Amino acid sequence: MVKDILAESGIQSALAGKLLINICAGVTAEQIAEYLYGDAGDDVNRCTIVRAMPNTASQIQESMTVIATSDPPLSDETSSLLYWIFTRIGSVVFLPSNTMDACTALCGSGPAFFALILEATIDGAVAMGLPRAEAQKMAAQTMRGAAGLVLNGEHPALLRDKGTTPGGCTIGGLLVLEEGRVRGTVARAVREATVVASQLGKGVQGVNGTRF
């Protein structure tokens, strides 16, 4: 679909000299350039193409956006403009373009992964007698608090260890999670999403049979 849109009459001239931000999963800046210009010579007034990956939390200015660096590097003016644009909707990091499929899996798909984990904790609390509305609020705030501690410098392993007292309820629950291979399963989900993202950019459909 991206290729078809960029091949439309007038698109190339409309984008001449402008900044084009590509947020399509799996689609590289080089692919966008190929779709736009093909075999056109260097005399064409090209646009500057940058790949970025925000996420759905941009709705509340809490996105984690990754912007791909390039070779040759972006100008200071372009980098500053990109930073300004995406800090309006959350946090920003710049990483090499060859990491963008993994960034898509972690940042783009991450909210859905965390939502599933959140749902599971809510369901467990409801099963033990808590009202769903209160359980949802409690679980979401607990997840936010844990994330806040990590963002303030706490290592996740230390955060986990600090809440784990000998013979306590936390260690009991953690052992159940480890027995269920939650750690490995979540890591595999990120790896799977990375592989799928890389295939989407090639126009491959139905690629979710790539599981490790």
N, C-alpha and C. Protein backbone atom coordinates (compact mmCIF):
# COMPACT_ATOMS: atom_id res chain seq x y z
N MET A 1 0.82 -1.20 0.00
CA MET A 1 0.00 0.00 0.00
C MET A 1 0.86 1.26 0.00
N VAL A 2 1.96 1.24 0.79
CA VAL A 2 2.86 2.39 0.84
C VAL A 2 3.41 2.69 -0.55
N LYS A 3 3.84 1.64 -1.23
CA LYS A 3 4.41 1.80 -2.57
C LYS A 3 3.40 2.41 -3.53
N ASP A 4 2.16 1.96 -3.46
CA ASP A 4 1.12 2.47 -4.35
C ASP A 4 0.82 3.94 -4.09
N ILE A 5 0.78 4.31 -2.82
CA ILE A 5 0.50 5.71 -2.46
C ILE A 5 1.61 6.63 -2.96
N LEU A 6 2.85 6.22 -2.73
CA LEU A 6 3.99 7.06 -3.12
C LEU A 6 4.19 7.11 -4.63
N ALA A 7 3.58 6.17 -5.34
CA ALA A 7 3.68 6.17 -6.80
C ALA A 7 2.62 7.04 -7.46
N GLU A 8 1.70 7.59 -6.66
CA GLU A 8 0.63 8.42 -7.21
C GLU A 8 1.22 9.66 -7.89
N SER A 9 0.55 10.10 -8.92
CA SER A 9 0.98 11.30 -9.65
C SER A 9 1.00 12.52 -8.75
N GLY A 10 2.10 13.27 -8.79
CA GLY A 10 2.21 14.51 -8.04
C GLY A 10 2.83 14.37 -6.67
N ILE A 11 2.94 13.14 -6.15
CA ILE A 11 3.50 12.94 -4.81
C ILE A 11 4.96 13.38 -4.75
N GLN A 12 5.74 12.98 -5.75
CA GLN A 12 7.17 13.31 -5.76
C GLN A 12 7.39 14.82 -5.72
N SER A 13 6.66 15.55 -6.55
CA SER A 13 6.84 17.00 -6.58
C SER A 13 6.29 17.65 -5.31
N ALA A 14 5.22 17.10 -4.75
CA ALA A 14 4.64 17.67 -3.53
C ALA A 14 5.59 17.54 -2.34
N LEU A 15 6.42 16.50 -2.35
CA LEU A 15 7.34 16.25 -1.24
C LEU A 15 8.72 16.87 -1.45
N ALA A 16 8.97 17.45 -2.59
CA ALA A 16 10.29 17.99 -2.93
C ALA A 16 10.79 18.96 -1.86
N GLY A 17 11.97 18.68 -1.33
CA GLY A 17 12.60 19.56 -0.35
C GLY A 17 12.02 19.50 1.04
N LYS A 18 11.04 18.62 1.25
CA LYS A 18 10.36 18.55 2.56
C LYS A 18 10.92 17.41 3.41
N LEU A 19 10.46 17.35 4.65
CA LEU A 19 10.81 16.27 5.57
C LEU A 19 9.68 15.26 5.58
N LEU A 20 9.98 14.01 5.24
CA LEU A 20 8.99 12.93 5.24
C LEU A 20 9.33 11.97 6.38
N ILE A 21 8.44 11.84 7.34
CA ILE A 21 8.65 10.96 8.49
C ILE A 21 7.88 9.66 8.25
N ASN A 22 8.61 8.58 8.17
CA ASN A 22 8.03 7.27 7.89
C ASN A 22 7.80 6.51 9.20
N ILE A 23 6.53 6.23 9.54
CA ILE A 23 6.22 5.46 10.74
C ILE A 23 5.59 4.11 10.40
N CYS A 24 5.84 3.63 9.19
CA CYS A 24 5.30 2.34 8.75
C CYS A 24 6.16 1.20 9.28
N ALA A 25 5.54 0.25 9.95
CA ALA A 25 6.28 -0.88 10.53
C ALA A 25 7.01 -1.66 9.45
N GLY A 26 8.31 -1.86 9.66
CA GLY A 26 9.10 -2.69 8.77
C GLY A 26 9.58 -2.04 7.49
N VAL A 27 9.14 -0.83 7.22
CA VAL A 27 9.50 -0.16 5.96
C VAL A 27 10.68 0.78 6.22
N THR A 28 11.78 0.58 5.52
CA THR A 28 12.98 1.37 5.73
C THR A 28 12.93 2.69 4.96
N ALA A 29 13.80 3.60 5.34
CA ALA A 29 13.91 4.87 4.62
C ALA A 29 14.38 4.63 3.19
N GLU A 30 15.24 3.62 3.01
CA GLU A 30 15.73 3.29 1.67
C GLU A 30 14.60 2.79 0.78
N GLN A 31 13.69 2.02 1.35
CA GLN A 31 12.53 1.55 0.58
C GLN A 31 11.64 2.72 0.16
N ILE A 32 11.43 3.65 1.09
CA ILE A 32 10.61 4.82 0.77
C ILE A 32 11.24 5.60 -0.37
N ALA A 33 12.56 5.77 -0.31
CA ALA A 33 13.27 6.50 -1.38
C ALA A 33 13.12 5.78 -2.71
N GLU A 34 13.20 4.46 -2.69
CA GLU A 34 13.05 3.67 -3.91
C GLU A 34 11.64 3.81 -4.48
N TYR A 35 10.63 3.77 -3.61
CA TYR A 35 9.24 3.92 -4.07
C TYR A 35 9.01 5.29 -4.69
N LEU A 36 9.66 6.31 -4.11
CA LEU A 36 9.45 7.68 -4.58
C LEU A 36 10.22 8.00 -5.85
N TYR A 37 11.48 7.57 -5.88
CA TYR A 37 12.37 8.06 -6.93
C TYR A 37 12.86 6.99 -7.91
N GLY A 38 12.83 5.73 -7.52
CA GLY A 38 13.26 4.68 -8.43
C GLY A 38 14.65 4.95 -8.99
N ASP A 39 14.74 5.03 -10.30
CA ASP A 39 16.02 5.26 -10.98
C ASP A 39 16.27 6.73 -11.31
N ALA A 40 15.51 7.61 -10.68
CA ALA A 40 15.67 9.04 -10.97
C ALA A 40 17.09 9.49 -10.62
N GLY A 41 17.61 10.43 -11.37
CA GLY A 41 18.97 10.92 -11.16
C GLY A 41 19.10 11.80 -9.94
N ASP A 42 20.33 12.21 -9.67
CA ASP A 42 20.61 13.04 -8.50
C ASP A 42 20.11 14.47 -8.66
N ASP A 43 19.69 14.84 -9.88
CA ASP A 43 19.23 16.20 -10.10
C ASP A 43 17.81 16.42 -9.58
N VAL A 44 17.14 15.34 -9.13
CA VAL A 44 15.78 15.46 -8.59
C VAL A 44 15.84 16.12 -7.22
N ASN A 45 14.92 17.05 -6.98
CA ASN A 45 14.83 17.71 -5.68
C ASN A 45 14.14 16.76 -4.70
N ARG A 46 14.93 16.02 -3.97
CA ARG A 46 14.40 14.96 -3.11
C ARG A 46 13.97 15.50 -1.75
N CYS A 47 13.15 14.70 -1.07
CA CYS A 47 12.79 15.03 0.31
C CYS A 47 13.76 14.32 1.25
N THR A 48 13.78 14.75 2.50
CA THR A 48 14.56 14.08 3.54
C THR A 48 13.66 13.05 4.20
N ILE A 49 14.08 11.78 4.17
CA ILE A 49 13.25 10.69 4.69
C ILE A 49 13.84 10.20 6.01
N VAL A 50 13.00 10.15 7.03
CA VAL A 50 13.43 9.69 8.35
C VAL A 50 12.44 8.63 8.84
N ARG A 51 12.97 7.57 9.39
CA ARG A 51 12.12 6.51 9.95
C ARG A 51 11.98 6.71 11.45
N ALA A 52 10.74 6.59 11.93
CA ALA A 52 10.47 6.74 13.36
C ALA A 52 9.39 5.75 13.77
N MET A 53 9.34 5.41 15.05
CA MET A 53 8.31 4.51 15.57
C MET A 53 7.78 5.03 16.90
N PRO A 54 6.64 5.72 16.88
CA PRO A 54 5.96 6.10 18.11
C PRO A 54 5.03 4.96 18.54
N ASN A 55 4.24 5.15 19.59
CA ASN A 55 3.24 4.14 19.93
C ASN A 55 1.93 4.77 20.38
N THR A 56 0.97 3.92 20.72
CA THR A 56 -0.39 4.39 20.99
C THR A 56 -0.50 5.29 22.22
N ALA A 57 0.49 5.25 23.10
CA ALA A 57 0.45 6.13 24.28
C ALA A 57 0.66 7.59 23.91
N SER A 58 0.91 7.86 22.63
CA SER A 58 1.00 9.25 22.17
C SER A 58 -0.31 9.99 22.42
N GLN A 59 -1.42 9.24 22.56
CA GLN A 59 -2.72 9.86 22.83
C GLN A 59 -2.72 10.64 24.14
N ILE A 60 -1.85 10.24 25.08
CA ILE A 60 -1.79 10.93 26.38
C ILE A 60 -0.39 11.49 26.63
N GLN A 61 0.34 11.77 25.55
CA GLN A 61 1.69 12.32 25.62
C GLN A 61 2.66 11.42 26.40
N GLU A 62 2.47 10.11 26.30
CA GLU A 62 3.36 9.16 26.98
C GLU A 62 3.99 8.16 26.01
N SER A 63 4.10 8.55 24.74
CA SER A 63 4.71 7.65 23.75
C SER A 63 6.20 7.46 24.04
N MET A 64 6.72 6.30 23.64
CA MET A 64 8.16 6.08 23.57
C MET A 64 8.47 6.00 22.09
N THR A 65 9.05 7.06 21.54
CA THR A 65 9.33 7.14 20.11
C THR A 65 10.81 6.90 19.84
N VAL A 66 11.10 6.02 18.89
CA VAL A 66 12.47 5.78 18.46
C VAL A 66 12.64 6.37 17.07
N ILE A 67 13.69 7.17 16.89
CA ILE A 67 14.00 7.79 15.60
C ILE A 67 15.30 7.19 15.08
N ALA A 68 15.28 6.74 13.83
CA ALA A 68 16.46 6.09 13.25
C ALA A 68 17.49 7.13 12.83
N THR A 69 18.73 6.89 13.24
CA THR A 69 19.82 7.73 12.75
C THR A 69 20.17 7.28 11.33
N SER A 70 20.94 8.08 10.63
CA SER A 70 21.24 7.76 9.23
C SER A 70 22.71 8.01 8.91
N ASP A 71 23.11 7.53 7.75
CA ASP A 71 24.47 7.75 7.25
C ASP A 71 24.37 8.21 5.79
N PRO A 72 24.70 9.47 5.50
CA PRO A 72 25.29 10.47 6.39
C PRO A 72 24.30 10.93 7.46
N PRO A 73 24.82 11.47 8.57
CA PRO A 73 23.96 11.88 9.67
C PRO A 73 22.97 12.97 9.25
N LEU A 74 21.85 13.01 9.96
CA LEU A 74 20.89 14.09 9.76
C LEU A 74 21.52 15.40 10.19
N SER A 75 21.08 16.47 9.59
CA SER A 75 21.57 17.79 10.00
C SER A 75 21.09 18.09 11.41
N ASP A 76 21.80 18.97 12.09
CA ASP A 76 21.39 19.38 13.44
C ASP A 76 19.99 19.97 13.42
N GLU A 77 19.69 20.72 12.36
CA GLU A 77 18.37 21.34 12.25
C GLU A 77 17.27 20.29 12.15
N THR A 78 17.50 19.26 11.32
CA THR A 78 16.51 18.20 11.16
C THR A 78 16.36 17.39 12.44
N SER A 79 17.48 17.06 13.08
CA SER A 79 17.43 16.30 14.33
C SER A 79 16.67 17.06 15.41
N SER A 80 16.93 18.36 15.49
CA SER A 80 16.24 19.19 16.48
C SER A 80 14.75 19.27 16.20
N LEU A 81 14.39 19.38 14.91
CA LEU A 81 12.97 19.42 14.55
C LEU A 81 12.28 18.11 14.90
N LEU A 82 12.92 16.99 14.59
CA LEU A 82 12.34 15.69 14.92
C LEU A 82 12.17 15.53 16.43
N TYR A 83 13.19 15.94 17.17
CA TYR A 83 13.11 15.85 18.63
C TYR A 83 11.97 16.70 19.14
N TRP A 84 11.83 17.90 18.61
CA TRP A 84 10.75 18.79 19.04
C TRP A 84 9.38 18.18 18.74
N ILE A 85 9.22 17.63 17.54
CA ILE A 85 7.93 17.05 17.15
C ILE A 85 7.54 15.92 18.09
N PHE A 86 8.46 14.99 18.30
CA PHE A 86 8.09 13.77 19.02
C PHE A 86 8.12 13.93 20.54
N THR A 87 8.81 14.93 21.07
CA THR A 87 8.71 15.18 22.51
C THR A 87 7.39 15.84 22.87
N ARG A 88 6.63 16.28 21.86
CA ARG A 88 5.27 16.78 22.13
C ARG A 88 4.35 15.62 22.54
N ILE A 89 4.72 14.39 22.19
CA ILE A 89 3.85 13.25 22.48
C ILE A 89 4.52 12.22 23.40
N GLY A 90 5.66 12.56 23.99
CA GLY A 90 6.30 11.63 24.91
C GLY A 90 7.82 11.72 24.88
N SER A 91 8.47 10.58 25.13
CA SER A 91 9.93 10.51 25.19
C SER A 91 10.50 10.08 23.85
N VAL A 92 11.78 10.41 23.63
CA VAL A 92 12.43 10.16 22.34
C VAL A 92 13.83 9.59 22.56
N VAL A 93 14.19 8.59 21.75
CA VAL A 93 15.59 8.16 21.66
C VAL A 93 15.96 8.02 20.19
N PHE A 94 17.23 8.24 19.88
CA PHE A 94 17.77 8.04 18.53
C PHE A 94 18.62 6.77 18.55
N LEU A 95 18.34 5.85 17.61
CA LEU A 95 19.09 4.60 17.52
C LEU A 95 19.39 4.28 16.05
N PRO A 96 20.41 3.45 15.78
CA PRO A 96 20.73 3.10 14.39
C PRO A 96 19.55 2.44 13.68
N SER A 97 19.48 2.64 12.38
CA SER A 97 18.35 2.14 11.61
C SER A 97 18.23 0.62 11.64
N ASN A 98 19.37 -0.08 11.83
CA ASN A 98 19.29 -1.55 11.84
C ASN A 98 18.66 -2.12 13.11
N THR A 99 18.30 -1.25 14.06
CA THR A 99 17.60 -1.71 15.27
C THR A 99 16.10 -1.46 15.21
N MET A 100 15.62 -0.88 14.12
CA MET A 100 14.24 -0.39 14.11
C MET A 100 13.18 -1.49 14.16
N ASP A 101 13.47 -2.66 13.63
CA ASP A 101 12.48 -3.74 13.73
C ASP A 101 12.31 -4.18 15.18
N ALA A 102 13.42 -4.26 15.92
CA ALA A 102 13.33 -4.59 17.34
C ALA A 102 12.64 -3.47 18.12
N CYS A 103 12.91 -2.22 17.73
CA CYS A 103 12.25 -1.08 18.37
C CYS A 103 10.75 -1.10 18.10
N THR A 104 10.38 -1.51 16.89
CA THR A 104 8.96 -1.64 16.55
C THR A 104 8.30 -2.67 17.45
N ALA A 105 8.98 -3.80 17.67
CA ALA A 105 8.44 -4.85 18.53
C ALA A 105 8.30 -4.38 19.97
N LEU A 106 9.34 -3.70 20.48
CA LEU A 106 9.34 -3.30 21.89
C LEU A 106 8.43 -2.10 22.14
N CYS A 107 8.59 -1.06 21.35
CA CYS A 107 7.84 0.18 21.59
C CYS A 107 6.48 0.19 20.90
N GLY A 108 6.44 -0.28 19.65
CA GLY A 108 5.19 -0.27 18.92
C GLY A 108 4.21 -1.33 19.40
N SER A 109 4.71 -2.56 19.61
CA SER A 109 3.86 -3.65 20.07
C SER A 109 3.79 -3.73 21.59
N GLY A 110 4.75 -3.11 22.27
CA GLY A 110 4.85 -3.19 23.72
C GLY A 110 3.58 -2.86 24.49
N PRO A 111 2.86 -1.77 24.14
CA PRO A 111 1.63 -1.48 24.88
C PRO A 111 0.64 -2.64 24.89
N ALA A 112 0.54 -3.36 23.78
CA ALA A 112 -0.37 -4.51 23.72
C ALA A 112 0.14 -5.65 24.62
N PHE A 113 1.47 -5.85 24.62
CA PHE A 113 2.04 -6.90 25.48
C PHE A 113 1.77 -6.58 26.96
N PHE A 114 2.05 -5.33 27.34
CA PHE A 114 1.84 -4.95 28.73
C PHE A 114 0.36 -4.97 29.11
N ALA A 115 -0.51 -4.66 28.15
CA ALA A 115 -1.95 -4.70 28.41
C ALA A 115 -2.40 -6.13 28.71
N LEU A 116 -1.82 -7.10 28.01
CA LEU A 116 -2.17 -8.50 28.26
C LEU A 116 -1.74 -8.92 29.67
N ILE A 117 -0.52 -8.52 30.06
CA ILE A 117 -0.04 -8.83 31.41
C ILE A 117 -0.92 -8.14 32.45
N LEU A 118 -1.30 -6.91 32.16
CA LEU A 118 -2.17 -6.16 33.07
C LEU A 118 -3.52 -6.86 33.22
N GLU A 119 -4.09 -7.30 32.10
CA GLU A 119 -5.36 -8.03 32.14
C GLU A 119 -5.26 -9.27 33.01
N ALA A 120 -4.14 -9.98 32.88
CA ALA A 120 -3.97 -11.22 33.65
C ALA A 120 -3.95 -10.94 35.15
N THR A 121 -3.25 -9.87 35.55
CA THR A 121 -3.21 -9.55 36.98
C THR A 121 -4.59 -9.12 37.48
N ILE A 122 -5.32 -8.40 36.65
CA ILE A 122 -6.67 -7.98 37.02
C ILE A 122 -7.57 -9.20 37.19
N ASP A 123 -7.51 -10.12 36.23
CA ASP A 123 -8.34 -11.33 36.31
C ASP A 123 -8.02 -12.14 37.56
N GLY A 124 -6.73 -12.24 37.90
CA GLY A 124 -6.35 -12.96 39.11
C GLY A 124 -6.95 -12.33 40.35
N ALA A 125 -6.92 -10.99 40.41
CA ALA A 125 -7.49 -10.29 41.56
C ALA A 125 -9.00 -10.46 41.63
N VAL A 126 -9.65 -10.41 40.47
CA VAL A 126 -11.11 -10.61 40.43
C VAL A 126 -11.46 -12.03 40.89
N ALA A 127 -10.65 -13.00 40.47
CA ALA A 127 -10.88 -14.39 40.89
C ALA A 127 -10.79 -14.54 42.40
N MET A 128 -10.02 -13.66 43.04
CA MET A 128 -9.87 -13.72 44.49
C MET A 128 -10.81 -12.77 45.22
N GLY A 129 -11.79 -12.21 44.48
CA GLY A 129 -12.86 -11.47 45.14
C GLY A 129 -12.86 -9.97 45.01
N LEU A 130 -11.86 -9.38 44.34
CA LEU A 130 -11.85 -7.92 44.20
C LEU A 130 -12.80 -7.49 43.09
N PRO A 131 -13.48 -6.34 43.26
CA PRO A 131 -14.31 -5.80 42.18
C PRO A 131 -13.43 -5.44 40.98
N ARG A 132 -13.92 -5.69 39.76
CA ARG A 132 -13.09 -5.49 38.57
C ARG A 132 -12.62 -4.05 38.41
N ALA A 133 -13.50 -3.08 38.62
CA ALA A 133 -13.11 -1.68 38.42
C ALA A 133 -11.96 -1.29 39.35
N GLU A 134 -12.08 -1.68 40.62
CA GLU A 134 -11.03 -1.36 41.57
C GLU A 134 -9.75 -2.15 41.27
N ALA A 135 -9.90 -3.41 40.88
CA ALA A 135 -8.73 -4.22 40.54
C ALA A 135 -7.98 -3.62 39.36
N GLN A 136 -8.72 -3.12 38.37
CA GLN A 136 -8.07 -2.50 37.20
C GLN A 136 -7.29 -1.26 37.59
N LYS A 137 -7.90 -0.42 38.43
CA LYS A 137 -7.22 0.80 38.86
C LYS A 137 -5.97 0.46 39.67
N MET A 138 -6.10 -0.50 40.57
CA MET A 138 -4.97 -0.88 41.41
C MET A 138 -3.83 -1.49 40.59
N ALA A 139 -4.18 -2.36 39.66
CA ALA A 139 -3.15 -3.01 38.84
C ALA A 139 -2.43 -2.00 37.94
N ALA A 140 -3.21 -1.11 37.32
CA ALA A 140 -2.61 -0.12 36.41
C ALA A 140 -1.69 0.83 37.17
N GLN A 141 -2.13 1.27 38.36
CA GLN A 141 -1.29 2.18 39.14
C GLN A 141 -0.04 1.48 39.66
N THR A 142 -0.17 0.21 40.01
CA THR A 142 0.98 -0.56 40.46
C THR A 142 2.00 -0.72 39.34
N MET A 143 1.51 -0.98 38.11
CA MET A 143 2.40 -1.09 36.96
C MET A 143 3.07 0.26 36.68
N ARG A 144 2.29 1.33 36.76
CA ARG A 144 2.86 2.67 36.54
C ARG A 144 3.93 2.97 37.58
N GLY A 145 3.66 2.64 38.84
CA GLY A 145 4.63 2.90 39.90
C GLY A 145 5.92 2.13 39.71
N ALA A 146 5.80 0.86 39.32
CA ALA A 146 7.00 0.05 39.07
C ALA A 146 7.80 0.63 37.91
N ALA A 147 7.11 1.04 36.84
CA ALA A 147 7.79 1.65 35.69
C ALA A 147 8.47 2.95 36.09
N GLY A 148 7.80 3.73 36.95
CA GLY A 148 8.38 4.99 37.41
C GLY A 148 9.66 4.78 38.19
N LEU A 149 9.69 3.74 39.03
CA LEU A 149 10.90 3.44 39.79
C LEU A 149 12.05 3.07 38.85
N VAL A 150 11.76 2.29 37.83
CA VAL A 150 12.80 1.90 36.86
C VAL A 150 13.29 3.13 36.10
N LEU A 151 12.37 4.00 35.68
CA LEU A 151 12.77 5.21 34.96
C LEU A 151 13.59 6.15 35.84
N ASN A 152 13.43 6.03 37.15
CA ASN A 152 14.22 6.84 38.08
C ASN A 152 15.55 6.19 38.45
N GLY A 153 15.86 5.06 37.80
CA GLY A 153 17.18 4.46 37.99
C GLY A 153 17.22 3.12 38.69
N GLU A 154 16.09 2.64 39.18
CA GLU A 154 16.07 1.34 39.86
C GLU A 154 16.20 0.21 38.84
N HIS A 155 17.09 -0.73 39.09
CA HIS A 155 17.22 -1.88 38.19
C HIS A 155 16.03 -2.82 38.42
N PRO A 156 15.42 -3.35 37.34
CA PRO A 156 14.26 -4.23 37.52
C PRO A 156 14.52 -5.41 38.46
N ALA A 157 15.72 -5.99 38.39
CA ALA A 157 16.03 -7.13 39.26
C ALA A 157 16.07 -6.72 40.73
N LEU A 158 16.61 -5.53 41.00
CA LEU A 158 16.64 -5.04 42.38
C LEU A 158 15.24 -4.69 42.86
N LEU A 159 14.44 -4.12 41.97
CA LEU A 159 13.05 -3.81 42.32
C LEU A 159 12.31 -5.08 42.70
N ARG A 160 12.51 -6.13 41.93
CA ARG A 160 11.88 -7.41 42.23
C ARG A 160 12.38 -7.96 43.56
N ASP A 161 13.69 -7.87 43.78
CA ASP A 161 14.28 -8.45 44.99
C ASP A 161 13.85 -7.71 46.25
N LYS A 162 13.69 -6.39 46.15
CA LYS A 162 13.32 -5.60 47.33
C LYS A 162 11.94 -5.97 47.86
N GLY A 163 11.08 -6.42 46.97
CA GLY A 163 9.73 -6.78 47.43
C GLY A 163 9.58 -8.24 47.79
N THR A 164 10.70 -8.97 47.80
CA THR A 164 10.65 -10.42 48.00
C THR A 164 11.21 -10.78 49.37
N THR A 165 10.34 -10.95 50.35
CA THR A 165 10.77 -11.32 51.69
C THR A 165 10.74 -12.84 51.85
N PRO A 166 11.60 -13.39 52.71
CA PRO A 166 11.64 -14.84 52.91
C PRO A 166 10.28 -15.40 53.34
N GLY A 167 9.83 -16.41 52.65
CA GLY A 167 8.57 -17.04 53.00
C GLY A 167 7.34 -16.21 52.69
N GLY A 168 7.51 -15.11 51.94
CA GLY A 168 6.40 -14.19 51.70
C GLY A 168 5.56 -14.55 50.48
N CYS A 169 4.51 -13.74 50.30
CA CYS A 169 3.60 -13.98 49.18
C CYS A 169 4.23 -13.64 47.84
N THR A 170 5.13 -12.65 47.81
CA THR A 170 5.73 -12.24 46.54
C THR A 170 6.61 -13.33 45.95
N ILE A 171 7.45 -13.95 46.77
CA ILE A 171 8.31 -15.01 46.25
C ILE A 171 7.48 -16.20 45.78
N GLY A 172 6.38 -16.46 46.48
CA GLY A 172 5.49 -17.54 46.05
C GLY A 172 4.91 -17.27 44.68
N GLY A 173 4.45 -16.04 44.46
CA GLY A 173 3.90 -15.68 43.16
C GLY A 173 4.95 -15.66 42.07
N LEU A 174 6.14 -15.16 42.39
CA LEU A 174 7.22 -15.11 41.41
C LEU A 174 7.63 -16.51 40.95
N LEU A 175 7.65 -17.46 41.88
CA LEU A 175 8.02 -18.82 41.50
C LEU A 175 6.99 -19.44 40.56
N VAL A 176 5.72 -19.10 40.75
CA VAL A 176 4.69 -19.57 39.83
C VAL A 176 4.94 -18.99 38.43
N LEU A 177 5.28 -17.70 38.37
CA LEU A 177 5.58 -17.07 37.07
C LEU A 177 6.79 -17.72 36.41
N GLU A 178 7.82 -18.01 37.20
CA GLU A 178 9.01 -18.66 36.64
C GLU A 178 8.69 -20.08 36.18
N GLU A 179 7.87 -20.80 36.96
CA GLU A 179 7.47 -22.15 36.55
C GLU A 179 6.68 -22.12 35.24
N GLY A 180 5.93 -21.04 35.03
CA GLY A 180 5.17 -20.88 33.80
C GLY A 180 5.98 -20.31 32.65
N ARG A 181 7.26 -20.12 32.88
CA ARG A 181 8.19 -19.62 31.85
C ARG A 181 7.75 -18.27 31.28
N VAL A 182 7.21 -17.43 32.16
CA VAL A 182 6.74 -16.13 31.72
C VAL A 182 7.88 -15.29 31.16
N ARG A 183 9.01 -15.30 31.82
CA ARG A 183 10.16 -14.50 31.37
C ARG A 183 10.55 -14.86 29.94
N GLY A 184 10.74 -16.16 29.69
CA GLY A 184 11.13 -16.60 28.36
C GLY A 184 10.05 -16.37 27.32
N THR A 185 8.79 -16.54 27.73
CA THR A 185 7.68 -16.37 26.79
C THR A 185 7.56 -14.92 26.35
N VAL A 186 7.68 -13.99 27.30
CA VAL A 186 7.60 -12.57 26.95
C VAL A 186 8.78 -12.18 26.05
N ALA A 187 9.97 -12.67 26.37
CA ALA A 187 11.14 -12.38 25.53
C ALA A 187 10.93 -12.94 24.12
N ARG A 188 10.35 -14.12 24.02
CA ARG A 188 10.08 -14.71 22.71
C ARG A 188 9.06 -13.89 21.94
N ALA A 189 8.09 -13.32 22.64
CA ALA A 189 7.09 -12.49 21.98
C ALA A 189 7.74 -11.28 21.32
N VAL A 190 8.71 -10.67 22.01
CA VAL A 190 9.42 -9.53 21.44
C VAL A 190 10.25 -9.98 20.23
N ARG A 191 10.88 -11.13 20.33
CA ARG A 191 11.67 -11.65 19.21
C ARG A 191 10.78 -11.96 18.02
N GLU A 192 9.63 -12.58 18.28
CA GLU A 192 8.70 -12.90 17.21
C GLU A 192 8.20 -11.64 16.51
N ALA A 193 7.82 -10.64 17.30
CA ALA A 193 7.32 -9.39 16.73
C ALA A 193 8.40 -8.70 15.90
N THR A 194 9.66 -8.84 16.32
CA THR A 194 10.77 -8.27 15.56
C THR A 194 10.89 -8.92 14.19
N VAL A 195 10.82 -10.24 14.16
CA VAL A 195 10.90 -10.97 12.90
C VAL A 195 9.73 -10.61 11.99
N VAL A 196 8.54 -10.55 12.56
CA VAL A 196 7.36 -10.21 11.76
C VAL A 196 7.49 -8.80 11.19
N ALA A 197 7.95 -7.85 12.00
CA ALA A 197 8.13 -6.48 11.52
C ALA A 197 9.08 -6.44 10.33
N SER A 198 10.15 -7.21 10.40
CA SER A 198 11.12 -7.22 9.30
C SER A 198 10.51 -7.77 8.02
N GLN A 199 9.58 -8.70 8.15
CA GLN A 199 8.94 -9.29 6.98
C GLN A 199 7.85 -8.39 6.41
N LEU A 200 7.18 -7.64 7.27
CA LEU A 200 6.14 -6.73 6.79
C LEU A 200 6.70 -5.72 5.80
N GLY A 201 7.92 -5.26 6.06
CA GLY A 201 8.54 -4.30 5.17
C GLY A 201 8.85 -4.87 3.80
N LYS A 202 8.86 -6.19 3.71
CA LYS A 202 9.12 -6.85 2.42
C LYS A 202 7.82 -7.21 1.70
N GLY A 203 6.69 -6.82 2.32
CA GLY A 203 5.41 -7.11 1.71
C GLY A 203 4.93 -8.53 1.93
N VAL A 204 5.56 -9.25 2.86
CA VAL A 204 5.17 -10.63 3.14
C VAL A 204 3.97 -10.63 4.08
N GLN A 205 2.93 -11.38 3.75
CA GLN A 205 1.74 -11.46 4.58
C GLN A 205 1.69 -12.82 5.27
N GLY A 206 0.98 -12.87 6.41
CA GLY A 206 0.83 -14.14 7.12
C GLY A 206 2.14 -14.72 7.57
N VAL A 207 2.96 -13.88 8.20
CA VAL A 207 4.32 -14.32 8.54
C VAL A 207 4.45 -14.79 9.98
N ASN A 208 3.35 -14.98 10.68
CA ASN A 208 3.45 -15.32 12.09
C ASN A 208 3.78 -16.78 12.37
N GLY A 209 4.26 -17.49 11.35
CA GLY A 209 4.74 -18.85 11.58
C GLY A 209 6.23 -18.88 11.83
N THR A 210 6.81 -17.74 12.16
CA THR A 210 8.26 -17.64 12.32
C THR A 210 8.72 -17.91 13.74
N ARG A 211 7.84 -18.39 14.61
CA ARG A 211 8.14 -18.46 16.04
C ARG A 211 9.42 -19.25 16.33
N PHE A 212 10.17 -18.74 17.30
CA PHE A 212 11.41 -19.39 17.72
C PHE A 212 11.09 -20.65 18.51
